[in-house]
Amino acid sequence: MVGLSVGDVKRPLIALGALIVVALVTVAFSLRGSALESARDFEECVEALGVNQFSPPLGDERGPAMTGCSARFAGRRKPGGGYSYYDFMQGRSFDIAGPNPTAEERKQIDREYIQFLDAQRREAVSAELAKKQDDQLRADLDSALQPVEPPLVLTPKNPTSPAVKRQVDRPKSARCDDNSLACGLSQLSAVVRDAFASSSRTKP
């Protein structure tokens, strides 16, 4: 009979031990998987993973499982009972009846979101209008504060000669060389005035 060496006995024992470990791990994951699948809300799903929902992100297989819990259950338990759903688009929470919003609750959240967008649009339009008015007021104020320029002085291109200036200084009646109508009228009025003056002198 051939004698068995210690090495020949260790190999089957190591293989048997490895099979037992694999079986235990498989059973543990199947139990955990069934607990995850039977979870009724996000908090139960997290409890089945054996971690706290507020713990830092996990590096092992539980990290994707936490993401799965978040995907399955949108709502979170409220301390007094019921659930709340956080809509990150609006930055606010909504009370919901169960761990996920119902179809009617989703419609209400969507209506609130439309009102939220409308309010943001109105706010943007108001801000733009206020900015335009502010810019116009600033422009008006800047133009009002501009220094006043001195009055514009018009100077003739051809300065008047001394002879023309002397003519301007003479009385109007003395300048009647051009036989214009104005000159004739002024002469006529002078004659009539002289006539009245002489007739008043002759009367006793």
N, C-alpha and C. Protein backbone atom coordinates (compact mmCIF):
# COMPACT_ATOMS: atom_id res chain seq x y z
N MET A 1 0.85 -1.16 0.00
CA MET A 1 0.00 0.00 0.00
C MET A 1 0.90 1.23 0.00
N VAL A 2 0.42 2.20 -0.80
CA VAL A 2 1.23 3.40 -0.95
C VAL A 2 0.88 4.35 0.19
N GLY A 3 1.82 4.88 0.83
CA GLY A 3 1.59 5.80 1.94
C GLY A 3 1.22 7.21 1.45
N LEU A 4 0.28 7.88 2.12
CA LEU A 4 -0.16 9.24 1.75
C LEU A 4 0.75 10.24 2.43
N SER A 5 1.17 11.20 1.65
CA SER A 5 2.00 12.25 2.22
C SER A 5 1.11 13.35 2.81
N VAL A 6 1.68 14.20 3.59
CA VAL A 6 0.94 15.30 4.23
C VAL A 6 0.42 16.25 3.17
N GLY A 7 1.18 16.45 2.11
CA GLY A 7 0.77 17.36 1.04
C GLY A 7 -0.46 16.83 0.32
N ASP A 8 -0.56 15.51 0.15
CA ASP A 8 -1.72 14.92 -0.54
C ASP A 8 -2.98 15.10 0.30
N VAL A 9 -2.90 15.12 1.60
CA VAL A 9 -4.06 15.26 2.48
C VAL A 9 -4.49 16.73 2.55
N LYS A 10 -3.56 17.66 2.49
CA LYS A 10 -3.88 19.09 2.65
C LYS A 10 -4.67 19.61 1.45
N ARG A 11 -4.38 19.15 0.27
CA ARG A 11 -5.05 19.69 -0.92
C ARG A 11 -6.56 19.48 -0.87
N PRO A 12 -7.05 18.29 -0.59
CA PRO A 12 -8.51 18.14 -0.52
C PRO A 12 -9.13 18.92 0.63
N LEU A 13 -8.43 19.06 1.73
CA LEU A 13 -8.97 19.83 2.85
C LEU A 13 -9.07 21.31 2.49
N ILE A 14 -8.08 21.83 1.80
CA ILE A 14 -8.11 23.25 1.39
C ILE A 14 -9.26 23.46 0.41
N ALA A 15 -9.43 22.53 -0.52
CA ALA A 15 -10.52 22.66 -1.50
C ALA A 15 -11.87 22.61 -0.81
N LEU A 16 -12.03 21.71 0.17
CA LEU A 16 -13.28 21.59 0.91
C LEU A 16 -13.55 22.88 1.70
N GLY A 17 -12.54 23.43 2.32
CA GLY A 17 -12.69 24.67 3.09
C GLY A 17 -13.11 25.84 2.18
N ALA A 18 -12.51 25.89 1.00
CA ALA A 18 -12.86 26.96 0.06
C ALA A 18 -14.30 26.82 -0.39
N LEU A 19 -14.77 25.60 -0.63
CA LEU A 19 -16.16 25.38 -1.02
C LEU A 19 -17.12 25.82 0.09
N ILE A 20 -16.77 25.56 1.32
CA ILE A 20 -17.63 25.95 2.45
C ILE A 20 -17.71 27.47 2.54
N VAL A 21 -16.59 28.17 2.37
CA VAL A 21 -16.59 29.63 2.43
C VAL A 21 -17.45 30.21 1.31
N VAL A 22 -17.31 29.68 0.10
CA VAL A 22 -18.10 30.17 -1.03
C VAL A 22 -19.58 29.94 -0.76
N ALA A 23 -19.94 28.79 -0.20
CA ALA A 23 -21.35 28.49 0.11
C ALA A 23 -21.88 29.47 1.15
N LEU A 24 -21.11 29.77 2.19
CA LEU A 24 -21.57 30.70 3.22
C LEU A 24 -21.76 32.11 2.66
N VAL A 25 -20.83 32.55 1.81
CA VAL A 25 -20.95 33.89 1.21
C VAL A 25 -22.18 33.95 0.33
N THR A 26 -22.42 32.90 -0.44
CA THR A 26 -23.59 32.87 -1.32
C THR A 26 -24.88 32.93 -0.51
N VAL A 27 -24.94 32.20 0.58
CA VAL A 27 -26.13 32.21 1.43
C VAL A 27 -26.32 33.59 2.04
N ALA A 28 -25.24 34.22 2.48
CA ALA A 28 -25.34 35.55 3.09
C ALA A 28 -25.86 36.57 2.07
N PHE A 29 -25.33 36.51 0.86
CA PHE A 29 -25.79 37.47 -0.16
C PHE A 29 -27.22 37.20 -0.58
N SER A 30 -27.62 35.96 -0.63
CA SER A 30 -29.01 35.65 -1.01
C SER A 30 -29.97 36.12 0.07
N LEU A 31 -29.56 35.97 1.34
CA LEU A 31 -30.41 36.47 2.43
C LEU A 31 -30.50 37.99 2.39
N ARG A 32 -29.36 38.62 2.17
CA ARG A 32 -29.35 40.07 2.08
C ARG A 32 -30.15 40.53 0.87
N GLY A 33 -30.00 39.87 -0.27
CA GLY A 33 -30.74 40.23 -1.48
C GLY A 33 -32.23 40.11 -1.27
N SER A 34 -32.67 39.07 -0.60
CA SER A 34 -34.11 38.93 -0.37
C SER A 34 -34.60 40.01 0.59
N ALA A 35 -33.76 40.41 1.56
CA ALA A 35 -34.14 41.47 2.48
C ALA A 35 -34.23 42.80 1.73
N LEU A 36 -33.32 43.04 0.79
CA LEU A 36 -33.37 44.26 -0.01
C LEU A 36 -34.63 44.28 -0.87
N GLU A 37 -34.95 43.14 -1.46
CA GLU A 37 -36.12 43.08 -2.35
C GLU A 37 -37.42 43.23 -1.58
N SER A 38 -37.46 42.78 -0.33
CA SER A 38 -38.69 42.85 0.44
C SER A 38 -38.83 44.18 1.21
N ALA A 39 -37.84 45.07 1.08
CA ALA A 39 -37.90 46.36 1.79
C ALA A 39 -39.10 47.16 1.31
N ARG A 40 -39.79 47.82 2.28
CA ARG A 40 -40.99 48.59 1.94
C ARG A 40 -40.71 50.07 1.68
N ASP A 41 -39.55 50.55 2.14
CA ASP A 41 -39.20 51.94 1.88
C ASP A 41 -37.69 52.08 1.91
N PHE A 42 -37.21 53.30 1.68
CA PHE A 42 -35.77 53.55 1.59
C PHE A 42 -35.06 53.17 2.89
N GLU A 43 -35.66 53.50 4.00
CA GLU A 43 -35.01 53.24 5.28
C GLU A 43 -34.85 51.74 5.53
N GLU A 44 -35.85 50.93 5.20
CA GLU A 44 -35.73 49.47 5.36
C GLU A 44 -34.69 48.92 4.40
N CYS A 45 -34.63 49.47 3.22
CA CYS A 45 -33.64 49.03 2.23
C CYS A 45 -32.23 49.27 2.76
N VAL A 46 -32.02 50.44 3.36
CA VAL A 46 -30.71 50.78 3.91
C VAL A 46 -30.39 49.88 5.11
N GLU A 47 -31.40 49.62 5.95
CA GLU A 47 -31.18 48.75 7.11
C GLU A 47 -30.79 47.35 6.66
N ALA A 48 -31.35 46.86 5.56
CA ALA A 48 -31.00 45.53 5.07
C ALA A 48 -29.54 45.47 4.62
N LEU A 49 -29.00 46.61 4.22
CA LEU A 49 -27.59 46.65 3.86
C LEU A 49 -26.69 46.64 5.09
N GLY A 50 -27.27 46.99 6.22
CA GLY A 50 -26.50 47.01 7.46
C GLY A 50 -25.64 48.25 7.61
N VAL A 51 -26.06 49.34 6.97
CA VAL A 51 -25.34 50.60 7.10
C VAL A 51 -26.31 51.69 7.48
N ASN A 52 -25.75 52.78 7.93
CA ASN A 52 -26.53 53.95 8.26
C ASN A 52 -26.67 54.78 6.98
N GLN A 53 -27.86 55.34 6.74
CA GLN A 53 -28.06 56.12 5.51
C GLN A 53 -27.23 57.39 5.49
N PHE A 54 -26.76 57.83 6.66
CA PHE A 54 -25.98 59.06 6.72
C PHE A 54 -24.48 58.79 6.76
N SER A 55 -24.08 57.51 6.65
CA SER A 55 -22.66 57.18 6.68
C SER A 55 -22.00 57.59 5.37
N PRO A 56 -20.68 57.72 5.36
CA PRO A 56 -20.00 58.13 4.13
C PRO A 56 -20.17 57.09 3.02
N PRO A 57 -19.93 57.48 1.77
CA PRO A 57 -20.12 56.55 0.65
C PRO A 57 -19.29 55.29 0.84
N LEU A 58 -19.84 54.19 0.39
CA LEU A 58 -19.22 52.88 0.58
C LEU A 58 -18.41 52.51 -0.66
N GLY A 59 -17.28 51.85 -0.43
CA GLY A 59 -16.43 51.47 -1.54
C GLY A 59 -16.69 50.06 -2.03
N ASP A 60 -17.37 49.23 -1.23
CA ASP A 60 -17.59 47.84 -1.64
C ASP A 60 -18.91 47.70 -2.39
N GLU A 61 -19.46 46.50 -2.41
CA GLU A 61 -20.69 46.24 -3.18
C GLU A 61 -21.91 46.94 -2.58
N ARG A 62 -21.80 47.45 -1.35
CA ARG A 62 -22.95 48.12 -0.75
C ARG A 62 -23.20 49.50 -1.35
N GLY A 63 -22.17 50.12 -1.92
CA GLY A 63 -22.35 51.43 -2.57
C GLY A 63 -23.39 51.37 -3.69
N PRO A 64 -23.24 50.47 -4.66
CA PRO A 64 -24.26 50.35 -5.70
C PRO A 64 -25.63 49.93 -5.14
N ALA A 65 -25.62 49.14 -4.06
CA ALA A 65 -26.89 48.73 -3.45
C ALA A 65 -27.60 49.95 -2.85
N MET A 66 -26.84 50.88 -2.24
CA MET A 66 -27.44 52.12 -1.72
C MET A 66 -28.05 52.93 -2.85
N THR A 67 -27.34 52.98 -3.98
CA THR A 67 -27.87 53.69 -5.15
C THR A 67 -29.15 53.03 -5.61
N GLY A 68 -29.19 51.71 -5.55
CA GLY A 68 -30.41 50.98 -5.91
C GLY A 68 -31.56 51.32 -4.97
N CYS A 69 -31.27 51.48 -3.68
CA CYS A 69 -32.31 51.87 -2.72
C CYS A 69 -32.86 53.25 -3.07
N SER A 70 -31.97 54.16 -3.42
CA SER A 70 -32.41 55.51 -3.78
C SER A 70 -33.25 55.48 -5.05
N ALA A 71 -32.89 54.61 -5.99
CA ALA A 71 -33.65 54.54 -7.25
C ALA A 71 -35.03 53.93 -7.02
N ARG A 72 -35.12 52.95 -6.12
CA ARG A 72 -36.42 52.29 -5.87
C ARG A 72 -37.38 53.16 -5.07
N PHE A 73 -36.85 53.94 -4.12
CA PHE A 73 -37.69 54.71 -3.22
C PHE A 73 -37.31 56.20 -3.27
N ALA A 74 -38.20 57.02 -3.80
CA ALA A 74 -37.93 58.45 -3.93
C ALA A 74 -38.20 59.19 -2.62
N GLY A 75 -39.15 58.70 -1.83
CA GLY A 75 -39.51 59.38 -0.60
C GLY A 75 -38.65 58.96 0.58
N ARG A 76 -38.66 59.82 1.60
CA ARG A 76 -37.95 59.51 2.84
C ARG A 76 -38.93 59.65 4.00
N ARG A 77 -38.75 58.80 5.00
CA ARG A 77 -39.64 58.84 6.17
C ARG A 77 -39.52 60.17 6.89
N LYS A 78 -40.68 60.67 7.36
CA LYS A 78 -40.69 61.86 8.19
C LYS A 78 -40.76 61.43 9.65
N PRO A 79 -40.18 62.19 10.58
CA PRO A 79 -40.18 61.78 11.99
C PRO A 79 -41.58 61.56 12.57
N GLY A 80 -42.55 62.37 12.19
CA GLY A 80 -43.89 62.22 12.75
C GLY A 80 -44.76 61.22 12.01
N GLY A 81 -44.25 60.61 10.98
CA GLY A 81 -45.02 59.68 10.15
C GLY A 81 -45.21 60.26 8.76
N GLY A 82 -45.46 59.41 7.81
CA GLY A 82 -45.60 59.85 6.43
C GLY A 82 -44.25 59.96 5.75
N TYR A 83 -44.27 60.48 4.53
CA TYR A 83 -43.04 60.58 3.74
C TYR A 83 -42.94 61.96 3.11
N SER A 84 -41.72 62.31 2.77
CA SER A 84 -41.50 63.56 2.03
C SER A 84 -40.64 63.24 0.81
N TYR A 85 -40.91 63.99 -0.25
CA TYR A 85 -40.15 63.83 -1.50
C TYR A 85 -39.44 65.14 -1.78
N TYR A 86 -38.12 65.09 -1.97
CA TYR A 86 -37.34 66.29 -2.25
C TYR A 86 -37.17 66.43 -3.76
N ASP A 87 -37.67 67.55 -4.29
CA ASP A 87 -37.51 67.84 -5.71
C ASP A 87 -36.34 68.79 -5.87
N PHE A 88 -35.22 68.27 -6.38
CA PHE A 88 -34.01 69.10 -6.48
C PHE A 88 -34.15 70.20 -7.53
N MET A 89 -35.07 70.06 -8.49
CA MET A 89 -35.27 71.10 -9.50
C MET A 89 -35.85 72.36 -8.86
N GLN A 90 -36.72 72.19 -7.87
CA GLN A 90 -37.33 73.33 -7.19
C GLN A 90 -36.62 73.67 -5.89
N GLY A 91 -35.80 72.73 -5.41
CA GLY A 91 -35.09 72.96 -4.16
C GLY A 91 -36.02 72.94 -2.96
N ARG A 92 -37.05 72.09 -2.98
CA ARG A 92 -37.98 72.02 -1.85
C ARG A 92 -38.57 70.62 -1.74
N SER A 93 -39.17 70.35 -0.58
CA SER A 93 -39.74 69.03 -0.31
C SER A 93 -41.26 69.07 -0.40
N PHE A 94 -41.85 67.95 -0.75
CA PHE A 94 -43.30 67.79 -0.83
C PHE A 94 -43.72 66.62 0.05
N ASP A 95 -44.83 66.76 0.75
CA ASP A 95 -45.38 65.65 1.54
C ASP A 95 -46.06 64.68 0.59
N ILE A 96 -45.75 63.39 0.75
CA ILE A 96 -46.38 62.34 -0.07
C ILE A 96 -46.90 61.26 0.86
N ALA A 97 -47.82 60.46 0.34
CA ALA A 97 -48.49 59.46 1.17
C ALA A 97 -47.62 58.23 1.43
N GLY A 98 -46.86 57.80 0.43
CA GLY A 98 -46.07 56.57 0.57
C GLY A 98 -44.61 56.79 0.26
N PRO A 99 -43.85 55.71 0.12
CA PRO A 99 -42.42 55.83 -0.14
C PRO A 99 -42.10 56.38 -1.54
N ASN A 100 -43.08 56.35 -2.43
CA ASN A 100 -42.93 56.93 -3.77
C ASN A 100 -44.15 57.78 -4.06
N PRO A 101 -44.00 58.89 -4.79
CA PRO A 101 -45.16 59.72 -5.12
C PRO A 101 -46.14 58.97 -6.02
N THR A 102 -47.43 59.16 -5.75
CA THR A 102 -48.45 58.57 -6.63
C THR A 102 -48.53 59.39 -7.91
N ALA A 103 -49.32 58.91 -8.87
CA ALA A 103 -49.46 59.63 -10.15
C ALA A 103 -50.04 61.03 -9.91
N GLU A 104 -51.03 61.12 -9.01
CA GLU A 104 -51.63 62.43 -8.71
C GLU A 104 -50.63 63.34 -8.01
N GLU A 105 -49.85 62.77 -7.09
CA GLU A 105 -48.82 63.57 -6.41
C GLU A 105 -47.75 64.05 -7.40
N ARG A 106 -47.40 63.20 -8.36
CA ARG A 106 -46.44 63.62 -9.41
C ARG A 106 -47.00 64.78 -10.22
N LYS A 107 -48.30 64.71 -10.57
CA LYS A 107 -48.93 65.79 -11.34
C LYS A 107 -48.89 67.10 -10.54
N GLN A 108 -49.18 67.00 -9.24
CA GLN A 108 -49.15 68.19 -8.39
C GLN A 108 -47.74 68.77 -8.32
N ILE A 109 -46.74 67.90 -8.19
CA ILE A 109 -45.34 68.37 -8.15
C ILE A 109 -44.98 69.04 -9.48
N ASP A 110 -45.46 68.46 -10.60
CA ASP A 110 -45.20 69.05 -11.92
C ASP A 110 -45.88 70.41 -12.06
N ARG A 111 -47.12 70.53 -11.55
CA ARG A 111 -47.82 71.83 -11.60
C ARG A 111 -47.06 72.87 -10.78
N GLU A 112 -46.59 72.46 -9.61
CA GLU A 112 -45.80 73.37 -8.77
C GLU A 112 -44.51 73.78 -9.50
N TYR A 113 -43.94 72.84 -10.25
CA TYR A 113 -42.71 73.15 -10.97
C TYR A 113 -42.98 74.17 -12.09
N ILE A 114 -44.12 74.04 -12.77
CA ILE A 114 -44.48 75.00 -13.82
C ILE A 114 -44.65 76.39 -13.20
N GLN A 115 -45.33 76.46 -12.05
CA GLN A 115 -45.49 77.74 -11.36
C GLN A 115 -44.13 78.30 -10.93
N PHE A 116 -43.26 77.42 -10.47
CA PHE A 116 -41.91 77.80 -10.07
C PHE A 116 -41.14 78.42 -11.24
N LEU A 117 -41.22 77.77 -12.42
CA LEU A 117 -40.55 78.30 -13.61
C LEU A 117 -41.14 79.62 -14.04
N ASP A 118 -42.49 79.73 -13.95
CA ASP A 118 -43.16 80.98 -14.33
C ASP A 118 -42.72 82.12 -13.40
N ALA A 119 -42.64 81.84 -12.12
CA ALA A 119 -42.20 82.87 -11.16
C ALA A 119 -40.75 83.28 -11.44
N GLN A 120 -39.91 82.30 -11.77
CA GLN A 120 -38.52 82.62 -12.09
C GLN A 120 -38.44 83.47 -13.35
N ARG A 121 -39.28 83.17 -14.36
CA ARG A 121 -39.29 83.93 -15.61
C ARG A 121 -39.72 85.37 -15.33
N ARG A 122 -40.82 85.52 -14.53
CA ARG A 122 -41.29 86.87 -14.20
C ARG A 122 -40.22 87.65 -13.44
N GLU A 123 -39.55 86.96 -12.55
CA GLU A 123 -38.49 87.61 -11.76
C GLU A 123 -37.35 88.06 -12.67
N ALA A 124 -37.00 87.23 -13.66
CA ALA A 124 -35.93 87.58 -14.59
C ALA A 124 -36.33 88.78 -15.45
N VAL A 125 -37.61 88.80 -15.90
CA VAL A 125 -38.09 89.93 -16.72
C VAL A 125 -38.09 91.20 -15.89
N SER A 126 -38.56 91.11 -14.65
CA SER A 126 -38.58 92.29 -13.77
C SER A 126 -37.17 92.80 -13.51
N ALA A 127 -36.23 91.88 -13.30
CA ALA A 127 -34.85 92.29 -13.05
C ALA A 127 -34.27 92.97 -14.29
N GLU A 128 -34.58 92.44 -15.48
CA GLU A 128 -34.08 93.05 -16.72
C GLU A 128 -34.68 94.44 -16.93
N LEU A 129 -35.99 94.57 -16.65
CA LEU A 129 -36.65 95.88 -16.79
C LEU A 129 -36.06 96.88 -15.80
N ALA A 130 -35.86 96.44 -14.56
CA ALA A 130 -35.28 97.33 -13.55
C ALA A 130 -33.87 97.75 -13.95
N LYS A 131 -33.10 96.83 -14.54
CA LYS A 131 -31.75 97.16 -14.98
C LYS A 131 -31.79 98.19 -16.10
N LYS A 132 -32.72 98.04 -17.05
CA LYS A 132 -32.83 99.00 -18.15
C LYS A 132 -33.22 100.38 -17.62
N GLN A 133 -34.17 100.42 -16.68
CA GLN A 133 -34.58 101.70 -16.10
C GLN A 133 -33.42 102.34 -15.35
N ASP A 134 -32.67 101.54 -14.62
CA ASP A 134 -31.52 102.04 -13.88
C ASP A 134 -30.47 102.60 -14.84
N ASP A 135 -30.22 101.87 -15.94
CA ASP A 135 -29.25 102.35 -16.93
C ASP A 135 -29.70 103.66 -17.55
N GLN A 136 -31.03 103.78 -17.83
CA GLN A 136 -31.56 105.01 -18.43
C GLN A 136 -31.43 106.17 -17.45
N LEU A 137 -31.75 105.92 -16.17
CA LEU A 137 -31.62 106.97 -15.16
C LEU A 137 -30.17 107.42 -15.01
N ARG A 138 -29.24 106.46 -15.04
CA ARG A 138 -27.83 106.81 -14.93
C ARG A 138 -27.38 107.64 -16.14
N ALA A 139 -27.86 107.27 -17.33
CA ALA A 139 -27.50 108.03 -18.53
C ALA A 139 -28.07 109.44 -18.45
N ASP A 140 -29.33 109.58 -17.99
CA ASP A 140 -29.94 110.90 -17.85
C ASP A 140 -29.18 111.74 -16.82
N LEU A 141 -28.79 111.13 -15.72
CA LEU A 141 -28.05 111.84 -14.68
C LEU A 141 -26.68 112.27 -15.19
N ASP A 142 -26.02 111.38 -15.92
CA ASP A 142 -24.70 111.73 -16.47
C ASP A 142 -24.80 112.89 -17.44
N SER A 143 -25.85 112.89 -18.29
CA SER A 143 -25.99 113.99 -19.25
C SER A 143 -26.36 115.29 -18.53
N ALA A 144 -27.11 115.21 -17.43
CA ALA A 144 -27.48 116.41 -16.68
C ALA A 144 -26.28 117.00 -15.95
N LEU A 145 -25.33 116.16 -15.58
CA LEU A 145 -24.16 116.61 -14.84
C LEU A 145 -23.03 117.08 -15.76
N GLN A 146 -23.22 116.99 -17.07
CA GLN A 146 -22.19 117.46 -18.00
C GLN A 146 -22.02 118.97 -17.84
N PRO A 147 -20.78 119.51 -17.91
CA PRO A 147 -20.58 120.95 -17.77
C PRO A 147 -21.24 121.69 -18.93
N VAL A 148 -21.82 122.86 -18.60
CA VAL A 148 -22.49 123.67 -19.61
C VAL A 148 -21.44 124.40 -20.42
N GLU A 149 -21.54 124.29 -21.73
CA GLU A 149 -20.58 124.95 -22.60
C GLU A 149 -20.92 126.43 -22.72
N PRO A 150 -19.92 127.29 -22.96
CA PRO A 150 -20.20 128.71 -23.12
C PRO A 150 -21.07 128.93 -24.35
N PRO A 151 -21.83 130.04 -24.38
CA PRO A 151 -22.71 130.28 -25.53
C PRO A 151 -21.90 130.41 -26.81
N LEU A 152 -22.50 130.01 -27.87
CA LEU A 152 -21.85 130.04 -29.17
C LEU A 152 -21.88 131.47 -29.71
N VAL A 153 -20.74 132.00 -30.09
CA VAL A 153 -20.64 133.36 -30.62
C VAL A 153 -20.43 133.24 -32.12
N LEU A 154 -21.31 133.89 -32.88
CA LEU A 154 -21.20 133.87 -34.33
C LEU A 154 -20.40 135.09 -34.78
N THR A 155 -19.39 134.86 -35.53
CA THR A 155 -18.60 135.97 -36.07
C THR A 155 -18.70 135.92 -37.59
N PRO A 156 -18.88 137.08 -38.22
CA PRO A 156 -18.98 137.07 -39.68
C PRO A 156 -17.65 136.72 -40.31
N LYS A 157 -17.75 136.10 -41.47
CA LYS A 157 -16.52 135.72 -42.16
C LYS A 157 -15.80 136.96 -42.68
N ASN A 158 -16.55 137.98 -43.20
CA ASN A 158 -15.95 139.22 -43.69
C ASN A 158 -16.23 140.30 -42.66
N PRO A 159 -15.22 140.73 -41.95
CA PRO A 159 -15.46 141.78 -40.95
C PRO A 159 -15.88 143.08 -41.65
N THR A 160 -16.70 143.88 -40.98
CA THR A 160 -17.20 145.12 -41.57
C THR A 160 -16.08 146.14 -41.66
N SER A 161 -16.09 146.86 -42.74
CA SER A 161 -15.06 147.89 -42.93
C SER A 161 -15.43 149.13 -42.14
N PRO A 162 -14.49 150.00 -41.85
CA PRO A 162 -14.79 151.21 -41.07
C PRO A 162 -15.80 152.11 -41.79
N ALA A 163 -15.79 152.13 -43.12
CA ALA A 163 -16.75 152.97 -43.86
C ALA A 163 -18.16 152.47 -43.65
N VAL A 164 -18.36 151.15 -43.68
CA VAL A 164 -19.69 150.58 -43.46
C VAL A 164 -20.12 150.83 -42.03
N LYS A 165 -19.17 150.74 -41.11
CA LYS A 165 -19.49 150.96 -39.71
C LYS A 165 -19.95 152.40 -39.48
N ARG A 166 -19.32 153.37 -40.16
CA ARG A 166 -19.71 154.76 -40.03
C ARG A 166 -21.12 154.96 -40.55
N GLN A 167 -21.46 154.25 -41.63
CA GLN A 167 -22.82 154.37 -42.17
C GLN A 167 -23.83 153.86 -41.16
N VAL A 168 -23.51 152.80 -40.47
CA VAL A 168 -24.42 152.23 -39.48
C VAL A 168 -24.63 153.21 -38.35
N ASP A 169 -23.60 153.97 -37.99
CA ASP A 169 -23.70 154.91 -36.88
C ASP A 169 -24.53 156.15 -37.24
N ARG A 170 -24.65 156.52 -38.52
CA ARG A 170 -25.41 157.70 -38.92
C ARG A 170 -26.90 157.51 -38.69
N PRO A 171 -27.64 158.61 -38.52
CA PRO A 171 -29.08 158.47 -38.40
C PRO A 171 -29.68 157.95 -39.69
N LYS A 172 -30.85 157.32 -39.58
CA LYS A 172 -31.47 156.63 -40.69
C LYS A 172 -31.89 157.61 -41.79
N SER A 173 -32.34 158.74 -41.42
CA SER A 173 -32.83 159.70 -42.41
C SER A 173 -31.72 160.18 -43.32
N ALA A 174 -30.49 160.17 -42.87
CA ALA A 174 -29.38 160.67 -43.67
C ALA A 174 -28.94 159.66 -44.72
N ARG A 175 -29.33 158.41 -44.62
CA ARG A 175 -28.88 157.38 -45.56
C ARG A 175 -29.98 157.04 -46.54
N CYS A 176 -30.22 157.78 -47.53
CA CYS A 176 -31.25 157.46 -48.52
C CYS A 176 -30.68 157.55 -49.93
N ASP A 177 -29.58 156.89 -50.15
CA ASP A 177 -28.97 156.94 -51.47
C ASP A 177 -29.50 155.84 -52.38
N ASP A 178 -30.11 154.80 -51.84
CA ASP A 178 -30.49 153.66 -52.67
C ASP A 178 -31.90 153.76 -53.24
N ASN A 179 -32.65 154.81 -52.97
CA ASN A 179 -34.02 155.03 -53.49
C ASN A 179 -34.94 153.86 -53.20
N SER A 180 -34.81 153.29 -52.02
CA SER A 180 -35.69 152.18 -51.67
C SER A 180 -37.01 152.72 -51.14
N LEU A 181 -37.97 151.85 -51.06
CA LEU A 181 -39.31 152.22 -50.59
C LEU A 181 -39.25 152.70 -49.14
N ALA A 182 -38.46 152.05 -48.31
CA ALA A 182 -38.33 152.46 -46.91
C ALA A 182 -37.76 153.86 -46.82
N CYS A 183 -36.81 154.16 -47.68
CA CYS A 183 -36.20 155.49 -47.66
C CYS A 183 -37.22 156.54 -48.11
N GLY A 184 -38.01 156.19 -49.12
CA GLY A 184 -39.03 157.12 -49.60
C GLY A 184 -40.09 157.37 -48.55
N LEU A 185 -40.48 156.37 -47.82
CA LEU A 185 -41.49 156.53 -46.77
C LEU A 185 -40.95 157.39 -45.64
N SER A 186 -39.72 157.18 -45.29
CA SER A 186 -39.16 157.99 -44.20
C SER A 186 -39.05 159.45 -44.63
N GLN A 187 -38.75 159.70 -45.89
CA GLN A 187 -38.69 161.08 -46.38
C GLN A 187 -40.08 161.71 -46.38
N LEU A 188 -41.07 160.94 -46.80
CA LEU A 188 -42.45 161.43 -46.84
C LEU A 188 -42.92 161.79 -45.43
N SER A 189 -42.64 160.90 -44.48
CA SER A 189 -43.06 161.19 -43.10
C SER A 189 -42.35 162.41 -42.55
N ALA A 190 -41.13 162.63 -42.94
CA ALA A 190 -40.40 163.82 -42.50
C ALA A 190 -41.03 165.09 -43.08
N VAL A 191 -41.45 165.01 -44.32
CA VAL A 191 -42.09 166.16 -44.97
C VAL A 191 -43.41 166.47 -44.29
N VAL A 192 -44.22 165.46 -44.02
CA VAL A 192 -45.53 165.66 -43.38
C VAL A 192 -45.33 166.24 -41.98
N ARG A 193 -44.37 165.78 -41.28
CA ARG A 193 -44.10 166.27 -39.94
C ARG A 193 -43.69 167.74 -39.98
N ASP A 194 -42.84 168.06 -40.93
CA ASP A 194 -42.42 169.46 -41.06
C ASP A 194 -43.59 170.36 -41.42
N ALA A 195 -44.50 169.84 -42.26
CA ALA A 195 -45.68 170.63 -42.66
C ALA A 195 -46.56 170.91 -41.47
N PHE A 196 -46.80 169.92 -40.67
CA PHE A 196 -47.62 170.13 -39.46
C PHE A 196 -46.94 171.06 -38.49
N ALA A 197 -45.67 170.95 -38.41
CA ALA A 197 -44.94 171.81 -37.49
C ALA A 197 -44.97 173.28 -37.95
N SER A 198 -44.88 173.52 -39.25
CA SER A 198 -44.90 174.89 -39.75
C SER A 198 -46.29 175.49 -39.68
N SER A 199 -47.32 174.64 -39.89
CA SER A 199 -48.68 175.17 -39.79
C SER A 199 -49.05 175.51 -38.37
N SER A 200 -48.53 174.80 -37.42
CA SER A 200 -48.82 175.12 -36.03
C SER A 200 -48.12 176.40 -35.61
N ARG A 201 -47.00 176.73 -36.24
CA ARG A 201 -46.27 177.95 -35.92
C ARG A 201 -46.99 179.18 -36.48
N THR A 202 -47.64 179.03 -37.64
CA THR A 202 -48.28 180.17 -38.29
C THR A 202 -49.59 180.53 -37.65
N LYS A 203 -50.27 179.64 -37.01
CA LYS A 203 -51.56 179.92 -36.38
C LYS A 203 -51.32 180.74 -35.14
N PRO A 204 -52.21 181.88 -34.95
CA PRO A 204 -52.03 182.68 -33.77
C PRO A 204 -52.60 182.01 -32.54
